[in-house]
Amino acid sequence: MPSTPIQTPSSYISSHAAAFADGEGAAVLVSAASPLPVAFGAPAATPLAGSTAASGIFGPYAPALGRAVMLSLGGTWTGAVKVLRSADGGATKVPLTLGGQPWGQFTGNCCEPVWDESEGAARLYLDMALNSGTCTYRFAQ
């Protein structure tokens, strides 16, 4: 962006400059060195990752709001994995659905977005029912 001084071409037009608040709340003029921020978001959540040969429920994973949650499953295993969601600290865990149909359920390796959370208290879990092998898992954003 070229450095163009603010000039008033006539006496009846007022000059304006765009500014935004920095991390301390001070006004910063928009420039090539300080472009206008166009997106605000919370930092990504700490990933939940591990490897297991045993069945069980793994978590909780606390997703950042408004970001896709990626699930990666790998290894050589057989069985079923379901993503569960709780909004009450894990007391009640329910499987994900989409349009009334099961969602976030896997019988093989995957790497895909499974959820986009909008409720701050929500936590995600993996319900892993393994028949054999070892499965590596990772929730991340």
N, C-alpha and C. Protein backbone atom coordinates (compact mmCIF):
# COMPACT_ATOMS: atom_id res chain seq x y z
N MET A 1 0.86 -1.16 0.00
CA MET A 1 0.00 0.00 0.00
C MET A 1 0.91 1.23 0.00
N PRO A 2 0.78 2.12 -0.99
CA PRO A 2 1.65 3.30 -1.03
C PRO A 2 1.31 4.26 0.10
N SER A 3 2.33 4.99 0.52
CA SER A 3 2.13 5.98 1.57
C SER A 3 1.59 7.25 0.93
N THR A 4 0.30 7.51 1.13
CA THR A 4 -0.35 8.68 0.56
C THR A 4 -0.74 9.61 1.69
N PRO A 5 -0.24 10.83 1.67
CA PRO A 5 -0.63 11.75 2.73
C PRO A 5 -2.11 12.10 2.61
N ILE A 6 -2.73 12.35 3.75
CA ILE A 6 -4.13 12.76 3.75
C ILE A 6 -4.19 14.22 3.33
N GLN A 7 -4.92 14.48 2.27
CA GLN A 7 -5.05 15.85 1.76
C GLN A 7 -6.52 16.18 1.58
N THR A 8 -6.84 17.39 1.86
CA THR A 8 -8.20 17.86 1.65
C THR A 8 -8.21 18.61 0.32
N PRO A 9 -8.92 18.09 -0.67
CA PRO A 9 -8.91 18.75 -1.98
C PRO A 9 -9.73 20.04 -2.03
N SER A 10 -10.64 20.23 -1.12
CA SER A 10 -11.42 21.47 -1.11
C SER A 10 -11.82 21.80 0.32
N SER A 11 -12.35 22.96 0.52
CA SER A 11 -12.66 23.41 1.87
C SER A 11 -13.93 22.80 2.45
N TYR A 12 -14.72 22.11 1.66
CA TYR A 12 -15.97 21.57 2.19
C TYR A 12 -15.96 20.05 2.37
N ILE A 13 -14.85 19.38 2.17
CA ILE A 13 -14.76 17.93 2.38
C ILE A 13 -13.83 17.69 3.56
N SER A 14 -14.30 16.93 4.52
CA SER A 14 -13.46 16.64 5.69
C SER A 14 -12.60 15.41 5.44
N SER A 15 -11.47 15.37 6.09
CA SER A 15 -10.55 14.24 5.97
C SER A 15 -10.88 13.20 7.03
N HIS A 16 -10.69 11.93 6.68
CA HIS A 16 -10.92 10.83 7.62
C HIS A 16 -9.78 9.84 7.48
N ALA A 17 -9.42 9.22 8.57
CA ALA A 17 -8.41 8.16 8.56
C ALA A 17 -8.96 6.99 9.36
N ALA A 18 -8.74 5.79 8.87
CA ALA A 18 -9.21 4.59 9.59
C ALA A 18 -8.18 4.21 10.64
N ALA A 19 -8.67 3.84 11.79
CA ALA A 19 -7.81 3.38 12.88
C ALA A 19 -8.51 2.23 13.60
N PHE A 20 -7.73 1.47 14.34
CA PHE A 20 -8.28 0.39 15.14
C PHE A 20 -7.52 0.32 16.46
N ALA A 21 -8.09 -0.37 17.43
CA ALA A 21 -7.45 -0.49 18.74
C ALA A 21 -6.44 -1.63 18.73
N ASP A 22 -5.25 -1.37 19.26
CA ASP A 22 -4.26 -2.43 19.38
C ASP A 22 -4.53 -3.23 20.66
N GLY A 23 -3.62 -4.10 21.02
CA GLY A 23 -3.80 -4.96 22.19
C GLY A 23 -3.96 -4.22 23.50
N GLU A 24 -3.42 -3.00 23.58
CA GLU A 24 -3.54 -2.20 24.80
C GLU A 24 -4.68 -1.20 24.71
N GLY A 25 -5.38 -1.15 23.59
CA GLY A 25 -6.50 -0.23 23.43
C GLY A 25 -6.14 1.10 22.81
N ALA A 26 -4.88 1.29 22.42
CA ALA A 26 -4.47 2.54 21.78
C ALA A 26 -4.86 2.53 20.31
N ALA A 27 -5.16 3.71 19.77
CA ALA A 27 -5.53 3.83 18.36
C ALA A 27 -4.30 3.66 17.48
N VAL A 28 -4.43 2.84 16.44
CA VAL A 28 -3.37 2.61 15.47
C VAL A 28 -3.94 2.95 14.10
N LEU A 29 -3.29 3.86 13.38
CA LEU A 29 -3.75 4.21 12.04
C LEU A 29 -3.48 3.06 11.08
N VAL A 30 -4.41 2.81 10.19
CA VAL A 30 -4.24 1.77 9.19
C VAL A 30 -3.16 2.22 8.22
N SER A 31 -2.20 1.32 7.97
CA SER A 31 -1.10 1.61 7.05
C SER A 31 -0.57 0.28 6.52
N ALA A 32 0.44 0.35 5.66
CA ALA A 32 1.04 -0.88 5.14
C ALA A 32 1.65 -1.70 6.28
N ALA A 33 2.21 -1.02 7.27
CA ALA A 33 2.83 -1.70 8.40
C ALA A 33 1.79 -2.20 9.40
N SER A 34 0.63 -1.58 9.44
CA SER A 34 -0.45 -1.95 10.37
C SER A 34 -1.76 -2.06 9.61
N PRO A 35 -1.94 -3.14 8.83
CA PRO A 35 -3.19 -3.27 8.06
C PRO A 35 -4.38 -3.49 8.98
N LEU A 36 -5.54 -3.16 8.47
CA LEU A 36 -6.78 -3.32 9.22
C LEU A 36 -7.01 -4.80 9.51
N PRO A 37 -7.19 -5.15 10.78
CA PRO A 37 -7.48 -6.56 11.08
C PRO A 37 -8.87 -6.91 10.54
N VAL A 38 -8.96 -8.03 9.87
CA VAL A 38 -10.23 -8.40 9.25
C VAL A 38 -10.88 -9.62 9.90
N ALA A 39 -10.21 -10.24 10.84
CA ALA A 39 -10.79 -11.38 11.53
C ALA A 39 -10.33 -11.40 12.97
N PHE A 40 -11.25 -11.70 13.85
CA PHE A 40 -10.93 -11.84 15.25
C PHE A 40 -11.29 -13.26 15.65
N GLY A 41 -10.46 -13.89 16.40
CA GLY A 41 -10.78 -15.23 16.83
C GLY A 41 -9.95 -15.63 18.02
N ALA A 42 -10.50 -16.55 18.77
CA ALA A 42 -9.77 -17.07 19.91
C ALA A 42 -8.65 -17.97 19.41
N PRO A 43 -7.60 -18.09 20.18
CA PRO A 43 -6.54 -19.01 19.77
C PRO A 43 -7.08 -20.44 19.71
N ALA A 44 -6.45 -21.26 18.92
CA ALA A 44 -6.87 -22.66 18.79
C ALA A 44 -6.71 -23.37 20.13
N ALA A 45 -7.56 -24.34 20.35
CA ALA A 45 -7.53 -25.12 21.59
C ALA A 45 -6.33 -26.06 21.58
N THR A 46 -5.92 -26.48 22.77
CA THR A 46 -4.85 -27.47 22.90
C THR A 46 -5.35 -28.79 22.36
N PRO A 47 -4.62 -29.42 21.44
CA PRO A 47 -5.08 -30.69 20.87
C PRO A 47 -5.21 -31.79 21.92
N LEU A 48 -6.11 -32.70 21.66
CA LEU A 48 -6.26 -33.92 22.45
C LEU A 48 -5.75 -35.04 21.56
N ALA A 49 -4.67 -35.68 21.96
CA ALA A 49 -4.06 -36.70 21.11
C ALA A 49 -3.59 -37.87 21.96
N GLY A 50 -3.60 -39.04 21.34
CA GLY A 50 -3.12 -40.22 22.04
C GLY A 50 -3.21 -41.44 21.16
N SER A 51 -2.95 -42.58 21.77
CA SER A 51 -2.98 -43.85 21.08
C SER A 51 -3.52 -44.88 22.07
N THR A 52 -4.38 -45.77 21.60
CA THR A 52 -4.96 -46.75 22.51
C THR A 52 -5.24 -48.07 21.79
N ALA A 53 -5.11 -49.15 22.55
CA ALA A 53 -5.52 -50.47 22.08
C ALA A 53 -6.74 -50.93 22.87
N ALA A 54 -7.19 -50.11 23.80
CA ALA A 54 -8.33 -50.46 24.65
C ALA A 54 -9.52 -49.57 24.33
N SER A 55 -10.69 -50.13 24.50
CA SER A 55 -11.92 -49.35 24.33
C SER A 55 -12.08 -48.40 25.51
N GLY A 56 -12.79 -47.31 25.28
CA GLY A 56 -13.04 -46.36 26.35
C GLY A 56 -13.51 -45.03 25.81
N ILE A 57 -13.75 -44.10 26.73
CA ILE A 57 -14.14 -42.74 26.36
C ILE A 57 -12.96 -41.84 26.69
N PHE A 58 -12.51 -41.09 25.69
CA PHE A 58 -11.33 -40.25 25.82
C PHE A 58 -11.72 -38.79 25.68
N GLY A 59 -11.18 -37.95 26.54
CA GLY A 59 -11.48 -36.54 26.53
C GLY A 59 -11.43 -36.03 27.95
N PRO A 60 -11.88 -34.83 28.18
CA PRO A 60 -12.60 -33.94 27.25
C PRO A 60 -11.66 -33.11 26.38
N TYR A 61 -12.21 -32.68 25.27
CA TYR A 61 -11.57 -31.72 24.39
C TYR A 61 -12.41 -30.45 24.44
N ALA A 62 -11.78 -29.32 24.76
CA ALA A 62 -12.48 -28.03 24.87
C ALA A 62 -12.22 -27.23 23.61
N PRO A 63 -13.12 -27.29 22.62
CA PRO A 63 -12.87 -26.59 21.36
C PRO A 63 -13.01 -25.08 21.49
N ALA A 64 -12.20 -24.36 20.71
CA ALA A 64 -12.37 -22.91 20.58
C ALA A 64 -13.64 -22.68 19.77
N LEU A 65 -14.37 -21.64 20.12
CA LEU A 65 -15.65 -21.38 19.46
C LEU A 65 -15.44 -20.86 18.04
N GLY A 66 -16.33 -21.27 17.14
CA GLY A 66 -16.34 -20.75 15.78
C GLY A 66 -15.24 -21.28 14.88
N ARG A 67 -14.60 -22.37 15.25
CA ARG A 67 -13.57 -22.98 14.42
C ARG A 67 -13.90 -24.45 14.21
N ALA A 68 -13.56 -24.95 13.06
CA ALA A 68 -13.81 -26.37 12.78
C ALA A 68 -12.91 -27.24 13.66
N VAL A 69 -13.48 -28.32 14.17
CA VAL A 69 -12.72 -29.30 14.94
C VAL A 69 -12.35 -30.42 13.99
N MET A 70 -11.05 -30.67 13.86
CA MET A 70 -10.55 -31.74 13.00
C MET A 70 -10.34 -32.99 13.83
N LEU A 71 -10.77 -34.12 13.29
CA LEU A 71 -10.51 -35.41 13.92
C LEU A 71 -9.63 -36.23 12.99
N SER A 72 -8.54 -36.74 13.54
CA SER A 72 -7.67 -37.66 12.80
C SER A 72 -7.65 -38.98 13.54
N LEU A 73 -7.94 -40.05 12.83
CA LEU A 73 -7.83 -41.41 13.36
C LEU A 73 -6.85 -42.15 12.47
N GLY A 74 -5.93 -42.87 13.06
CA GLY A 74 -4.94 -43.60 12.28
C GLY A 74 -4.59 -44.92 12.95
N GLY A 75 -3.75 -45.68 12.28
CA GLY A 75 -3.30 -46.96 12.81
C GLY A 75 -3.98 -48.11 12.12
N THR A 76 -3.73 -49.30 12.66
CA THR A 76 -4.35 -50.52 12.15
C THR A 76 -5.27 -51.03 13.25
N TRP A 77 -6.56 -50.84 13.05
CA TRP A 77 -7.54 -51.18 14.08
C TRP A 77 -8.86 -51.55 13.44
N THR A 78 -9.69 -52.24 14.19
CA THR A 78 -11.08 -52.50 13.80
C THR A 78 -11.96 -52.10 14.97
N GLY A 79 -13.15 -51.67 14.65
CA GLY A 79 -14.08 -51.24 15.68
C GLY A 79 -14.85 -50.03 15.22
N ALA A 80 -15.31 -49.24 16.18
CA ALA A 80 -16.11 -48.05 15.88
C ALA A 80 -15.71 -46.92 16.82
N VAL A 81 -15.71 -45.71 16.27
CA VAL A 81 -15.39 -44.51 17.05
C VAL A 81 -16.52 -43.51 16.83
N LYS A 82 -17.05 -42.97 17.93
CA LYS A 82 -18.10 -41.95 17.86
C LYS A 82 -17.63 -40.70 18.59
N VAL A 83 -17.96 -39.54 18.03
CA VAL A 83 -17.72 -38.28 18.72
C VAL A 83 -18.93 -37.99 19.59
N LEU A 84 -18.67 -37.71 20.86
CA LEU A 84 -19.72 -37.37 21.82
C LEU A 84 -19.56 -35.91 22.24
N ARG A 85 -20.67 -35.30 22.64
CA ARG A 85 -20.67 -33.89 23.07
C ARG A 85 -21.37 -33.79 24.43
N SER A 86 -20.80 -32.95 25.29
CA SER A 86 -21.40 -32.69 26.60
C SER A 86 -21.38 -31.20 26.86
N ALA A 87 -22.45 -30.70 27.45
CA ALA A 87 -22.51 -29.29 27.84
C ALA A 87 -22.68 -29.15 29.35
N ASP A 88 -22.51 -30.27 30.08
CA ASP A 88 -22.70 -30.23 31.53
C ASP A 88 -21.50 -30.83 32.27
N GLY A 89 -20.32 -30.59 31.76
CA GLY A 89 -19.12 -31.07 32.43
C GLY A 89 -18.85 -32.55 32.28
N GLY A 90 -19.51 -33.19 31.34
CA GLY A 90 -19.28 -34.61 31.09
C GLY A 90 -20.28 -35.54 31.75
N ALA A 91 -21.21 -34.99 32.53
CA ALA A 91 -22.22 -35.83 33.19
C ALA A 91 -23.10 -36.53 32.16
N THR A 92 -23.47 -35.81 31.11
CA THR A 92 -24.28 -36.36 30.02
C THR A 92 -23.50 -36.20 28.73
N LYS A 93 -23.28 -37.31 28.04
CA LYS A 93 -22.57 -37.27 26.76
C LYS A 93 -23.51 -37.83 25.70
N VAL A 94 -23.72 -37.08 24.63
CA VAL A 94 -24.61 -37.53 23.57
C VAL A 94 -23.85 -37.59 22.24
N PRO A 95 -24.17 -38.57 21.39
CA PRO A 95 -23.52 -38.64 20.09
C PRO A 95 -23.95 -37.48 19.19
N LEU A 96 -23.06 -37.06 18.32
CA LEU A 96 -23.39 -35.99 17.39
C LEU A 96 -24.40 -36.47 16.37
N THR A 97 -25.31 -35.57 15.98
CA THR A 97 -26.23 -35.83 14.88
C THR A 97 -26.24 -34.61 13.97
N LEU A 98 -26.67 -34.83 12.75
CA LEU A 98 -26.82 -33.75 11.78
C LEU A 98 -28.08 -34.05 10.99
N GLY A 99 -29.06 -33.17 11.09
CA GLY A 99 -30.34 -33.41 10.43
C GLY A 99 -31.04 -34.65 10.95
N GLY A 100 -30.83 -34.96 12.24
CA GLY A 100 -31.46 -36.12 12.84
C GLY A 100 -30.78 -37.44 12.54
N GLN A 101 -29.68 -37.40 11.81
CA GLN A 101 -28.95 -38.62 11.45
C GLN A 101 -27.62 -38.67 12.19
N PRO A 102 -27.09 -39.87 12.43
CA PRO A 102 -25.79 -39.99 13.11
C PRO A 102 -24.70 -39.23 12.36
N TRP A 103 -23.81 -38.60 13.12
CA TRP A 103 -22.72 -37.81 12.55
C TRP A 103 -21.48 -38.03 13.41
N GLY A 104 -20.32 -37.99 12.79
CA GLY A 104 -19.08 -38.14 13.54
C GLY A 104 -18.87 -39.55 14.05
N GLN A 105 -19.23 -40.54 13.22
CA GLN A 105 -19.04 -41.95 13.58
C GLN A 105 -18.19 -42.61 12.51
N PHE A 106 -17.17 -43.36 12.96
CA PHE A 106 -16.16 -43.88 12.03
C PHE A 106 -15.84 -45.34 12.34
N THR A 107 -15.56 -46.10 11.27
CA THR A 107 -15.10 -47.48 11.40
C THR A 107 -13.75 -47.67 10.72
N GLY A 108 -13.10 -46.57 10.39
CA GLY A 108 -11.78 -46.62 9.77
C GLY A 108 -11.06 -45.30 9.96
N ASN A 109 -9.84 -45.25 9.47
CA ASN A 109 -9.03 -44.05 9.61
C ASN A 109 -9.68 -42.86 8.91
N CYS A 110 -9.44 -41.66 9.43
CA CYS A 110 -10.02 -40.46 8.85
C CYS A 110 -9.17 -39.25 9.20
N CYS A 111 -9.41 -38.18 8.50
CA CYS A 111 -8.83 -36.86 8.80
C CYS A 111 -9.80 -35.85 8.21
N GLU A 112 -10.72 -35.35 9.03
CA GLU A 112 -11.76 -34.46 8.51
C GLU A 112 -12.36 -33.60 9.61
N PRO A 113 -13.00 -32.50 9.20
CA PRO A 113 -13.70 -31.68 10.19
C PRO A 113 -14.96 -32.40 10.64
N VAL A 114 -15.19 -32.43 11.95
CA VAL A 114 -16.36 -33.15 12.47
C VAL A 114 -17.35 -32.25 13.20
N TRP A 115 -16.94 -31.04 13.61
CA TRP A 115 -17.84 -30.22 14.40
C TRP A 115 -17.37 -28.78 14.38
N ASP A 116 -18.30 -27.85 14.59
CA ASP A 116 -18.01 -26.43 14.74
C ASP A 116 -18.82 -25.96 15.94
N GLU A 117 -18.14 -25.72 17.05
CA GLU A 117 -18.84 -25.46 18.31
C GLU A 117 -19.18 -23.99 18.48
N SER A 118 -20.35 -23.74 19.11
CA SER A 118 -20.78 -22.36 19.38
C SER A 118 -21.16 -22.15 20.85
N GLU A 119 -21.06 -23.18 21.67
CA GLU A 119 -21.42 -23.06 23.08
C GLU A 119 -20.16 -23.23 23.94
N GLY A 120 -19.88 -22.23 24.76
CA GLY A 120 -18.65 -22.20 25.53
C GLY A 120 -18.46 -23.36 26.50
N ALA A 121 -19.53 -23.89 27.05
CA ALA A 121 -19.43 -24.96 28.03
C ALA A 121 -19.27 -26.34 27.40
N ALA A 122 -19.42 -26.45 26.11
CA ALA A 122 -19.42 -27.75 25.44
C ALA A 122 -18.02 -28.37 25.41
N ARG A 123 -17.99 -29.68 25.57
CA ARG A 123 -16.76 -30.45 25.47
C ARG A 123 -17.03 -31.65 24.58
N LEU A 124 -16.00 -32.09 23.87
CA LEU A 124 -16.12 -33.24 22.98
C LEU A 124 -15.31 -34.41 23.54
N TYR A 125 -15.80 -35.61 23.26
CA TYR A 125 -15.16 -36.84 23.71
C TYR A 125 -15.15 -37.83 22.55
N LEU A 126 -14.26 -38.82 22.63
CA LEU A 126 -14.24 -39.92 21.68
C LEU A 126 -14.67 -41.18 22.41
N ASP A 127 -15.70 -41.83 21.90
CA ASP A 127 -16.16 -43.12 22.42
C ASP A 127 -15.59 -44.17 21.48
N MET A 128 -14.56 -44.87 21.95
CA MET A 128 -13.85 -45.82 21.10
C MET A 128 -14.19 -47.24 21.54
N ALA A 129 -14.79 -48.00 20.64
CA ALA A 129 -15.11 -49.41 20.88
C ALA A 129 -14.24 -50.22 19.93
N LEU A 130 -13.05 -50.60 20.38
CA LEU A 130 -12.09 -51.29 19.52
C LEU A 130 -12.22 -52.80 19.66
N ASN A 131 -12.19 -53.48 18.51
CA ASN A 131 -12.20 -54.95 18.50
C ASN A 131 -10.78 -55.49 18.48
N SER A 132 -9.89 -54.79 17.75
CA SER A 132 -8.49 -55.22 17.67
C SER A 132 -7.63 -54.06 17.19
N GLY A 133 -6.34 -54.20 17.40
CA GLY A 133 -5.39 -53.22 16.91
C GLY A 133 -5.22 -52.02 17.83
N THR A 134 -4.49 -51.05 17.32
CA THR A 134 -4.21 -49.81 18.05
C THR A 134 -4.62 -48.63 17.19
N CYS A 135 -5.36 -47.72 17.79
CA CYS A 135 -5.85 -46.53 17.08
C CYS A 135 -5.18 -45.29 17.67
N THR A 136 -4.63 -44.46 16.81
CA THR A 136 -4.14 -43.15 17.24
C THR A 136 -5.22 -42.14 16.92
N TYR A 137 -5.39 -41.16 17.80
CA TYR A 137 -6.46 -40.18 17.63
C TYR A 137 -5.93 -38.79 17.91
N ARG A 138 -6.58 -37.80 17.30
CA ARG A 138 -6.21 -36.41 17.54
C ARG A 138 -7.39 -35.50 17.21
N PHE A 139 -7.84 -34.75 18.21
CA PHE A 139 -8.76 -33.63 18.03
C PHE A 139 -7.89 -32.38 17.97
N ALA A 140 -8.09 -31.51 17.00
CA ALA A 140 -7.32 -30.27 16.92
C ALA A 140 -8.09 -29.25 16.11
N GLN A 141 -7.61 -28.00 16.19
CA GLN A 141 -8.22 -26.92 15.42
C GLN A 141 -7.14 -26.14 14.71
